[in-house]
Amino acid sequence: MAKTSVRLSPEMCKKLENEARRRSEVEGETVTVSELIRACIGEKFPLLCAKARSERDGFCELQETVAGLGKRAETLEAGIDSLVKTLREILPLLATREQVDALTDAIAAVLSASRERRP
């Protein structure tokens, strides 16, 4: 196995030395600081890898969602442009307040229906 040097803070070194001493005194087990570090890495590394994979998967899902929102925004923008064009053609033809109100109610109904269909 290759050797790797690790620089630890004085507080961490003291904690590890105390733990090694405690195990030696209480459990009668001779443990070095290096063995404690290896055990900690062996215990925590798989958990950290799993967490990193989960976070990466979540990030990929978020990227897909953002891309989908971008496409929906483009579709919405095209729909709004079409609506504005249609309104420019229709509004001059409306002669009465009732016709304007009917058009407004129809637009509100379409917008309400589109909100209900959203996931």
C-alpha atoms as a PDB file:
ATOM      1  CA  MET A   1       0.000   0.000   0.000  1.00  0.00           C
ATOM      2  CA  ALA A   2       1.299   3.456  -0.882  1.00  0.00           C
ATOM      3  CA  LYS A   3       1.973   5.865   1.932  1.00  0.00           C
ATOM      4  CA  THR A   4       0.239   9.199   2.134  1.00  0.00           C
ATOM      5  CA  SER A   5       1.140  12.012   4.457  1.00  0.00           C
ATOM      6  CA  VAL A   6      -1.658  13.876   6.153  1.00  0.00           C
ATOM      7  CA  ARG A   7      -1.248  17.125   8.049  1.00  0.00           C
ATOM      8  CA  LEU A   8      -3.672  17.343  10.944  1.00  0.00           C
ATOM      9  CA  SER A   9      -4.398  20.193  13.268  1.00  0.00           C
ATOM     10  CA  PRO A  10      -2.846  19.960  16.737  1.00  0.00           C
ATOM     11  CA  GLU A  11      -6.347  19.552  18.221  1.00  0.00           C
ATOM     12  CA  MET A  12      -7.106  16.602  15.945  1.00  0.00           C
ATOM     13  CA  CYS A  13      -3.743  14.980  16.734  1.00  0.00           C
ATOM     14  CA  LYS A  14      -4.442  15.313  20.448  1.00  0.00           C
ATOM     15  CA  LYS A  15      -7.917  13.776  20.038  1.00  0.00           C
ATOM     16  CA  LEU A  16      -6.521  10.838  18.080  1.00  0.00           C
ATOM     17  CA  GLU A  17      -3.726  10.276  20.592  1.00  0.00           C
ATOM     18  CA  ASN A  18      -6.244  10.385  23.461  1.00  0.00           C
ATOM     19  CA  GLU A  19      -8.492   7.890  21.669  1.00  0.00           C
ATOM     20  CA  ALA A  20      -5.552   5.545  21.033  1.00  0.00           C
ATOM     21  CA  ARG A  21      -4.551   5.820  24.691  1.00  0.00           C
ATOM     22  CA  ARG A  22      -8.147   5.232  25.854  1.00  0.00           C
ATOM     23  CA  ARG A  23      -8.475   2.102  23.746  1.00  0.00           C
ATOM     24  CA  SER A  24      -5.202   0.852  25.070  1.00  0.00           C
ATOM     25  CA  GLU A  25      -6.147   1.450  28.718  1.00  0.00           C
ATOM     26  CA  VAL A  26      -9.847   0.539  28.643  1.00  0.00           C
ATOM     27  CA  GLU A  27     -10.050  -2.150  25.998  1.00  0.00           C
ATOM     28  CA  GLY A  28      -6.512  -3.478  26.236  1.00  0.00           C
ATOM     29  CA  GLU A  29      -6.209  -2.953  22.505  1.00  0.00           C
ATOM     30  CA  THR A  30      -2.987  -1.508  21.087  1.00  0.00           C
ATOM     31  CA  VAL A  31      -3.977   0.993  18.424  1.00  0.00           C
ATOM     32  CA  THR A  32      -1.838   3.544  16.636  1.00  0.00           C
ATOM     33  CA  VAL A  33      -3.004   6.917  15.412  1.00  0.00           C
ATOM     34  CA  SER A  34      -2.429   5.712  11.838  1.00  0.00           C
ATOM     35  CA  GLU A  35      -4.742   2.744  12.435  1.00  0.00           C
ATOM     36  CA  LEU A  36      -7.414   5.049  13.814  1.00  0.00           C
ATOM     37  CA  ILE A  37      -7.152   7.242  10.726  1.00  0.00           C
ATOM     38  CA  ARG A  38      -7.335   4.207   8.409  1.00  0.00           C
ATOM     39  CA  ALA A  39     -10.387   2.890  10.278  1.00  0.00           C
ATOM     40  CA  CYS A  40     -12.095   6.262  10.046  1.00  0.00           C
ATOM     41  CA  ILE A  41     -11.378   6.512   6.321  1.00  0.00           C
ATOM     42  CA  GLY A  42     -12.575   2.952   5.753  1.00  0.00           C
ATOM     43  CA  GLU A  43     -15.764   3.689   7.653  1.00  0.00           C
ATOM     44  CA  LYS A  44     -16.527   7.126   6.222  1.00  0.00           C
ATOM     45  CA  PHE A  45     -15.245   6.884   2.642  1.00  0.00           C
ATOM     46  CA  PRO A  46     -18.072   4.683   1.288  1.00  0.00           C
ATOM     47  CA  LEU A  47     -20.618   6.985   2.952  1.00  0.00           C
ATOM     48  CA  LEU A  48     -18.984  10.056   1.440  1.00  0.00           C
ATOM     49  CA  CYS A  49     -18.898   8.416  -2.000  1.00  0.00           C
ATOM     50  CA  ALA A  50     -22.576   7.492  -1.763  1.00  0.00           C
ATOM     51  CA  LYS A  51     -23.438  11.033  -0.686  1.00  0.00           C
ATOM     52  CA  ALA A  52     -21.418  12.499  -3.561  1.00  0.00           C
ATOM     53  CA  ARG A  53     -23.153  10.171  -6.055  1.00  0.00           C
ATOM     54  CA  SER A  54     -26.550  11.145  -4.662  1.00  0.00           C
ATOM     55  CA  GLU A  55     -25.718  14.845  -4.866  1.00  0.00           C
ATOM     56  CA  ARG A  56     -24.401  14.426  -8.417  1.00  0.00           C
ATOM     57  CA  ASP A  57     -27.594  12.604  -9.431  1.00  0.00           C
ATOM     58  CA  GLY A  58     -29.663  15.357  -7.830  1.00  0.00           C
ATOM     59  CA  PHE A  59     -27.645  17.989  -9.671  1.00  0.00           C
ATOM     60  CA  CYS A  60     -28.153  16.197 -13.005  1.00  0.00           C
ATOM     61  CA  GLU A  61     -31.888  16.016 -12.331  1.00  0.00           C
ATOM     62  CA  LEU A  62     -31.908  19.715 -11.517  1.00  0.00           C
ATOM     63  CA  GLN A  63     -30.067  20.493 -14.763  1.00  0.00           C
ATOM     64  CA  GLU A  64     -32.685  18.524 -16.722  1.00  0.00           C
ATOM     65  CA  THR A  65     -35.477  20.383 -14.937  1.00  0.00           C
ATOM     66  CA  VAL A  66     -33.883  23.757 -15.714  1.00  0.00           C
ATOM     67  CA  ALA A  67     -33.473  22.761 -19.368  1.00  0.00           C
ATOM     68  CA  GLY A  68     -37.137  21.737 -19.464  1.00  0.00           C
ATOM     69  CA  LEU A  69     -38.148  25.064 -17.933  1.00  0.00           C
ATOM     70  CA  GLY A  70     -36.162  26.855 -20.609  1.00  0.00           C
ATOM     71  CA  LYS A  71     -38.069  24.976 -23.313  1.00  0.00           C
ATOM     72  CA  ARG A  72     -41.374  25.721 -21.585  1.00  0.00           C
ATOM     73  CA  ALA A  73     -40.415  29.405 -21.381  1.00  0.00           C
ATOM     74  CA  GLU A  74     -39.725  29.432 -25.132  1.00  0.00           C
ATOM     75  CA  THR A  75     -43.099  27.789 -25.797  1.00  0.00           C
ATOM     76  CA  LEU A  76     -44.840  30.259 -23.501  1.00  0.00           C
ATOM     77  CA  GLU A  77     -43.120  33.188 -25.192  1.00  0.00           C
ATOM     78  CA  ALA A  78     -44.238  31.948 -28.606  1.00  0.00           C
ATOM     79  CA  GLY A  79     -47.785  31.519 -27.288  1.00  0.00           C
ATOM     80  CA  ILE A  80     -47.825  35.039 -25.863  1.00  0.00           C
ATOM     81  CA  ASP A  81     -46.530  36.464 -29.133  1.00  0.00           C
ATOM     82  CA  SER A  82     -49.294  34.638 -30.982  1.00  0.00           C
ATOM     83  CA  LEU A  83     -51.909  35.898 -28.504  1.00  0.00           C
ATOM     84  CA  VAL A  84     -50.722  39.511 -28.875  1.00  0.00           C
ATOM     85  CA  LYS A  85     -50.874  39.210 -32.663  1.00  0.00           C
ATOM     86  CA  THR A  86     -54.380  37.763 -32.505  1.00  0.00           C
ATOM     87  CA  LEU A  87     -55.547  40.454 -30.083  1.00  0.00           C
ATOM     88  CA  ARG A  88     -54.174  43.167 -32.376  1.00  0.00           C
ATOM     89  CA  GLU A  89     -56.334  41.728 -35.146  1.00  0.00           C
ATOM     90  CA  ILE A  90     -59.463  41.162 -33.025  1.00  0.00           C
ATOM     91  CA  LEU A  91     -59.650  44.239 -30.780  1.00  0.00           C
ATOM     92  CA  PRO A  92     -60.310  46.742 -33.599  1.00  0.00           C
ATOM     93  CA  LEU A  93     -63.241  44.559 -34.724  1.00  0.00           C
ATOM     94  CA  LEU A  94     -64.971  44.606 -31.326  1.00  0.00           C
ATOM     95  CA  ALA A  95     -67.737  47.173 -31.278  1.00  0.00           C
ATOM     96  CA  THR A  96     -69.356  46.801 -27.859  1.00  0.00           C
ATOM     97  CA  ARG A  97     -68.292  46.534 -24.248  1.00  0.00           C
ATOM     98  CA  GLU A  98     -70.009  43.114 -24.073  1.00  0.00           C
ATOM     99  CA  GLN A  99     -67.760  41.789 -26.844  1.00  0.00           C
ATOM    100  CA  VAL A 100     -64.645  43.049 -25.037  1.00  0.00           C
ATOM    101  CA  ASP A 101     -65.874  41.474 -21.775  1.00  0.00           C
ATOM    102  CA  ALA A 102     -66.580  38.167 -23.530  1.00  0.00           C
ATOM    103  CA  LEU A 103     -63.061  38.141 -24.994  1.00  0.00           C
ATOM    104  CA  THR A 104     -61.544  38.979 -21.585  1.00  0.00           C
ATOM    105  CA  ASP A 105     -63.534  36.164 -19.942  1.00  0.00           C
ATOM    106  CA  ALA A 106     -62.425  33.699 -22.619  1.00  0.00           C
ATOM    107  CA  ILE A 107     -58.754  34.642 -22.126  1.00  0.00           C
ATOM    108  CA  ALA A 108     -59.121  34.276 -18.348  1.00  0.00           C
ATOM    109  CA  ALA A 109     -60.688  30.825 -18.812  1.00  0.00           C
ATOM    110  CA  VAL A 110     -57.847  29.678 -21.062  1.00  0.00           C
ATOM    111  CA  LEU A 111     -55.217  30.904 -18.588  1.00  0.00           C
ATOM    112  CA  SER A 112     -57.030  29.237 -15.691  1.00  0.00           C
ATOM    113  CA  ALA A 113     -57.249  25.936 -17.587  1.00  0.00           C
ATOM    114  CA  SER A 114     -53.544  26.075 -18.439  1.00  0.00           C
ATOM    115  CA  ARG A 115     -52.666  26.615 -14.752  1.00  0.00           C
ATOM    116  CA  GLU A 116     -54.739  23.562 -13.750  1.00  0.00           C
ATOM    117  CA  ARG A 117     -52.940  21.377 -16.315  1.00  0.00           C
ATOM    118  CA  ARG A 118     -49.467  22.263 -15.007  1.00  0.00           C
ATOM    119  CA  PRO A 119     -47.678  19.448 -13.154  1.00  0.00           C
END
